[in-house]
Amino acid sequence: MKDDQHLIETGIASERVFDGALLHINRDTVRLPDDSTATREYIQHPGAVMVIPVMDDGRLLMERQFRYPFKRVFLEFPAGKLDPNEDPLTCGKRELLEETGYTARHWRKLGVLHPIISYTSEEIHIFLAHGLEAGKAQLDEGEFLELVIKDQAELIAGIVDGSVTDGKTVAGMFWLEQLAKTGDLPGQPR
């Protein structure tokens, strides 16, 4: 492995600036590789899971949900935050059931996404779920969403035309395309 010592910043002081119910903001003083110091502000996040639910025919189970920071509805894959010390697969199963009412017979971890590496510690674990069985959603209080089923071509078209901009969903589509190339995508003609 390459020696990255000439790039490493070392924390020398940390101050909690904000303590929220979900997010915590820190302001740290760091020593830079040239021995000078700088300030780094960042959000500590508990981590999350995104589930890519694939129907038996290859179409995708997705959600439309209002996201307050942008004051609009987004199309995205089901996702949710990890509870303290929760296993990511357990979280994925819980979130799929809560948000969609579906369960899945087959689960596969695809990878981890670091959505905003410059100012948050969030990691999103990405899972593929197939062998879906419908049930009743168990939405959290104050959670409102609409389920939609899209085929992959529709999702790609939405990414290309700019109507689908959620970063984790765009990354999820990348994973789906890679699986399709190898013939390893459930519901894909062989």
Protein backbone atom coordinates (compact mmCIF):
# COMPACT_ATOMS: atom_id res chain seq x y z
CA MET A 1 0.00 0.00 0.00
CA LYS A 2 1.20 3.47 -0.83
CA ASP A 3 2.50 5.59 2.04
CA ASP A 4 0.01 8.41 2.56
CA GLN A 5 1.80 10.05 5.49
CA HIS A 6 2.42 13.22 3.44
CA LEU A 7 -1.39 13.69 3.20
CA ILE A 8 -2.53 12.84 6.75
CA GLU A 9 -4.08 15.44 9.05
CA THR A 10 -3.93 14.73 12.79
CA GLY A 11 -6.56 15.97 15.23
CA ILE A 12 -5.19 17.99 18.15
CA ALA A 13 -8.41 19.47 19.63
CA SER A 14 -12.14 18.88 19.20
CA GLU A 15 -15.18 20.92 20.17
CA ARG A 16 -18.83 19.83 19.89
CA VAL A 17 -20.62 22.79 18.29
CA PHE A 18 -24.12 21.29 18.04
CA ASP A 19 -25.78 18.19 19.48
CA GLY A 20 -28.96 17.27 17.65
CA ALA A 21 -31.26 14.28 17.80
CA LEU A 22 -29.70 12.82 14.64
CA LEU A 23 -26.66 14.91 13.76
CA HIS A 24 -23.75 16.23 15.79
CA ILE A 25 -21.46 18.98 14.53
CA ASN A 26 -17.81 19.15 15.56
CA ARG A 27 -15.13 21.78 15.01
CA ASP A 28 -11.66 20.26 15.23
CA THR A 29 -8.21 21.75 15.08
CA VAL A 30 -5.87 19.60 13.02
CA ARG A 31 -2.15 19.50 12.38
CA LEU A 32 -1.46 19.50 8.64
CA PRO A 33 1.33 17.54 6.95
CA ASP A 34 3.51 20.71 6.80
CA ASP A 35 3.11 21.12 10.63
CA SER A 36 0.74 24.11 10.35
CA THR A 37 -2.79 23.95 11.81
CA ALA A 38 -6.27 24.33 10.34
CA THR A 39 -9.91 24.04 11.41
CA ARG A 40 -12.21 21.25 10.20
CA GLU A 41 -15.97 21.38 10.75
CA TYR A 42 -17.91 18.19 10.12
CA ILE A 43 -21.14 16.38 10.88
CA GLN A 44 -21.05 13.09 12.75
CA HIS A 45 -23.76 10.80 11.40
CA PRO A 46 -24.76 7.37 12.79
CA GLY A 47 -24.64 5.74 9.33
CA ALA A 48 -27.41 4.40 7.16
CA VAL A 49 -28.53 1.62 4.87
CA MET A 50 -30.02 1.78 1.38
CA VAL A 51 -31.94 -1.16 -0.05
CA ILE A 52 -32.30 -1.80 -3.78
CA PRO A 53 -35.48 -3.93 -3.94
CA VAL A 54 -35.72 -5.84 -7.22
CA MET A 55 -39.10 -7.30 -8.18
CA ASP A 56 -39.24 -10.79 -9.75
CA ASP A 57 -39.58 -9.21 -13.21
CA GLY A 58 -36.51 -7.01 -12.71
CA ARG A 59 -38.37 -3.77 -12.03
CA LEU A 60 -37.38 -1.68 -9.01
CA LEU A 61 -39.44 -0.84 -5.92
CA MET A 62 -38.82 2.81 -5.13
CA GLU A 63 -40.19 5.66 -3.04
CA ARG A 64 -41.26 9.20 -3.66
CA GLN A 65 -40.66 11.29 -0.57
CA PHE A 66 -40.62 15.00 0.30
CA ARG A 67 -37.19 16.15 1.48
CA TYR A 68 -37.39 19.33 3.49
CA PRO A 69 -33.94 20.83 2.81
CA PHE A 70 -34.80 21.06 -0.91
CA LYS A 71 -38.57 21.61 -0.44
CA ARG A 72 -39.44 19.00 -3.06
CA VAL A 73 -40.27 15.34 -3.65
CA PHE A 74 -37.43 12.99 -4.62
CA LEU A 75 -37.46 9.53 -6.18
CA GLU A 76 -35.17 7.23 -4.22
CA PHE A 77 -34.50 3.72 -3.03
CA PRO A 78 -35.69 2.84 0.51
CA ALA A 79 -33.15 3.86 3.13
CA GLY A 80 -32.82 4.69 6.77
CA LYS A 81 -30.38 5.38 9.56
CA LEU A 82 -28.68 2.77 11.67
CA ASP A 83 -29.72 2.51 15.31
CA PRO A 84 -26.83 2.42 17.83
CA ASN A 85 -24.81 -0.81 17.42
CA GLU A 86 -27.26 -2.11 14.80
CA ASP A 87 -26.04 -4.55 12.15
CA PRO A 88 -26.48 -2.99 8.67
CA LEU A 89 -28.35 -6.02 7.28
CA THR A 90 -30.76 -5.93 10.24
CA CYS A 91 -31.32 -2.24 9.55
CA GLY A 92 -31.94 -2.91 5.84
CA LYS A 93 -34.55 -5.55 6.60
CA ARG A 94 -36.23 -3.26 9.12
CA GLU A 95 -36.27 -0.26 6.80
CA LEU A 96 -37.61 -2.25 3.83
CA LEU A 97 -40.48 -3.57 5.95
CA GLU A 98 -41.24 -0.27 7.68
CA GLU A 99 -41.20 1.88 4.56
CA THR A 100 -42.61 -0.48 1.93
CA GLY A 101 -44.26 -3.39 3.74
CA TYR A 102 -42.09 -5.78 1.71
CA THR A 103 -39.78 -8.49 2.98
CA ALA A 104 -37.13 -10.24 0.90
CA ARG A 105 -35.97 -13.86 0.80
CA HIS A 106 -32.55 -12.97 -0.61
CA TRP A 107 -30.12 -10.27 0.49
CA ARG A 108 -26.72 -9.32 -0.85
CA LYS A 109 -24.40 -6.59 0.36
CA LEU A 110 -23.08 -4.60 -2.57
CA GLY A 111 -20.82 -2.06 -0.87
CA VAL A 112 -20.54 1.12 1.15
CA LEU A 113 -21.04 4.68 -0.06
CA HIS A 114 -19.50 7.76 1.59
CA PRO A 115 -21.90 10.38 0.19
CA ILE A 116 -20.21 13.61 1.30
CA ILE A 117 -16.61 12.96 2.35
CA SER A 118 -15.74 16.64 2.83
CA TYR A 119 -18.01 17.36 5.80
CA THR A 120 -19.81 14.30 7.16
CA SER A 121 -18.85 10.90 8.55
CA GLU A 122 -21.95 9.25 7.05
CA GLU A 123 -21.56 5.84 5.44
CA ILE A 124 -24.41 4.18 3.59
CA HIS A 125 -24.37 0.39 3.36
CA ILE A 126 -25.94 -0.73 0.07
CA PHE A 127 -27.94 -3.97 -0.13
CA LEU A 128 -29.69 -5.74 -2.99
CA ALA A 129 -32.95 -7.41 -1.95
CA HIS A 130 -34.93 -9.81 -4.14
CA GLY A 131 -37.48 -12.55 -3.75
CA LEU A 132 -39.83 -9.83 -2.49
CA GLU A 133 -43.08 -10.53 -0.69
CA ALA A 134 -45.64 -7.75 -0.21
CA GLY A 135 -47.03 -6.85 3.18
CA LYS A 136 -48.22 -3.79 5.08
CA ALA A 137 -45.92 -0.80 5.55
CA GLN A 138 -45.17 0.27 9.12
CA LEU A 139 -44.16 3.90 8.60
CA ASP A 140 -42.61 5.85 11.47
CA GLU A 141 -44.74 8.62 12.96
CA GLY A 142 -44.45 11.69 10.74
CA GLU A 143 -43.14 9.69 7.76
CA PHE A 144 -45.06 10.02 4.48
CA LEU A 145 -44.06 8.43 1.20
CA GLU A 146 -45.46 6.91 -1.94
CA LEU A 147 -44.30 3.61 -3.41
CA VAL A 148 -43.65 3.38 -7.14
CA ILE A 149 -42.28 0.65 -9.37
CA LYS A 150 -39.85 1.71 -12.09
CA ASP A 151 -37.99 -0.24 -14.68
CA GLN A 152 -34.25 0.30 -14.90
CA ALA A 153 -34.47 2.18 -18.20
CA GLU A 154 -36.85 4.71 -16.59
CA LEU A 155 -34.46 5.22 -13.68
CA ILE A 156 -31.47 5.69 -15.98
CA ALA A 157 -33.46 8.16 -18.10
CA GLY A 158 -34.35 10.11 -14.95
CA ILE A 159 -30.70 10.26 -13.89
CA VAL A 160 -29.64 11.42 -17.36
CA ASP A 161 -32.39 14.06 -17.68
CA GLY A 162 -31.76 15.38 -14.15
CA SER A 163 -35.11 14.45 -12.61
CA VAL A 164 -33.47 11.80 -10.37
CA THR A 165 -30.67 13.45 -8.41
CA ASP A 166 -30.50 11.62 -5.07
CA GLY A 167 -26.85 10.59 -4.77
CA LYS A 168 -27.42 7.24 -3.09
CA THR A 169 -30.00 6.28 -5.73
CA VAL A 170 -27.63 7.26 -8.55
CA ALA A 171 -24.91 5.13 -6.91
CA GLY A 172 -27.41 2.27 -6.55
CA MET A 173 -28.13 2.41 -10.26
CA PHE A 174 -24.39 2.12 -10.92
CA TRP A 175 -24.35 -1.11 -8.88
CA LEU A 176 -27.37 -2.43 -10.80
CA GLU A 177 -25.70 -1.69 -14.13
CA GLN A 178 -22.57 -3.57 -13.03
CA LEU A 179 -24.65 -6.58 -11.95
CA ALA A 180 -26.52 -6.49 -15.27
CA LYS A 181 -23.22 -6.52 -17.19
CA THR A 182 -22.18 -9.71 -15.43
CA GLY A 183 -25.62 -11.33 -15.73
CA ASP A 184 -25.86 -11.40 -11.93
CA LEU A 185 -29.01 -9.29 -11.57
CA PRO A 186 -32.22 -10.99 -10.36
CA GLY A 187 -35.09 -10.81 -12.84
CA GLN A 188 -32.68 -10.33 -15.74
CA PRO A 189 -33.18 -12.50 -18.82
CA ARG A 190 -30.33 -14.98 -19.20
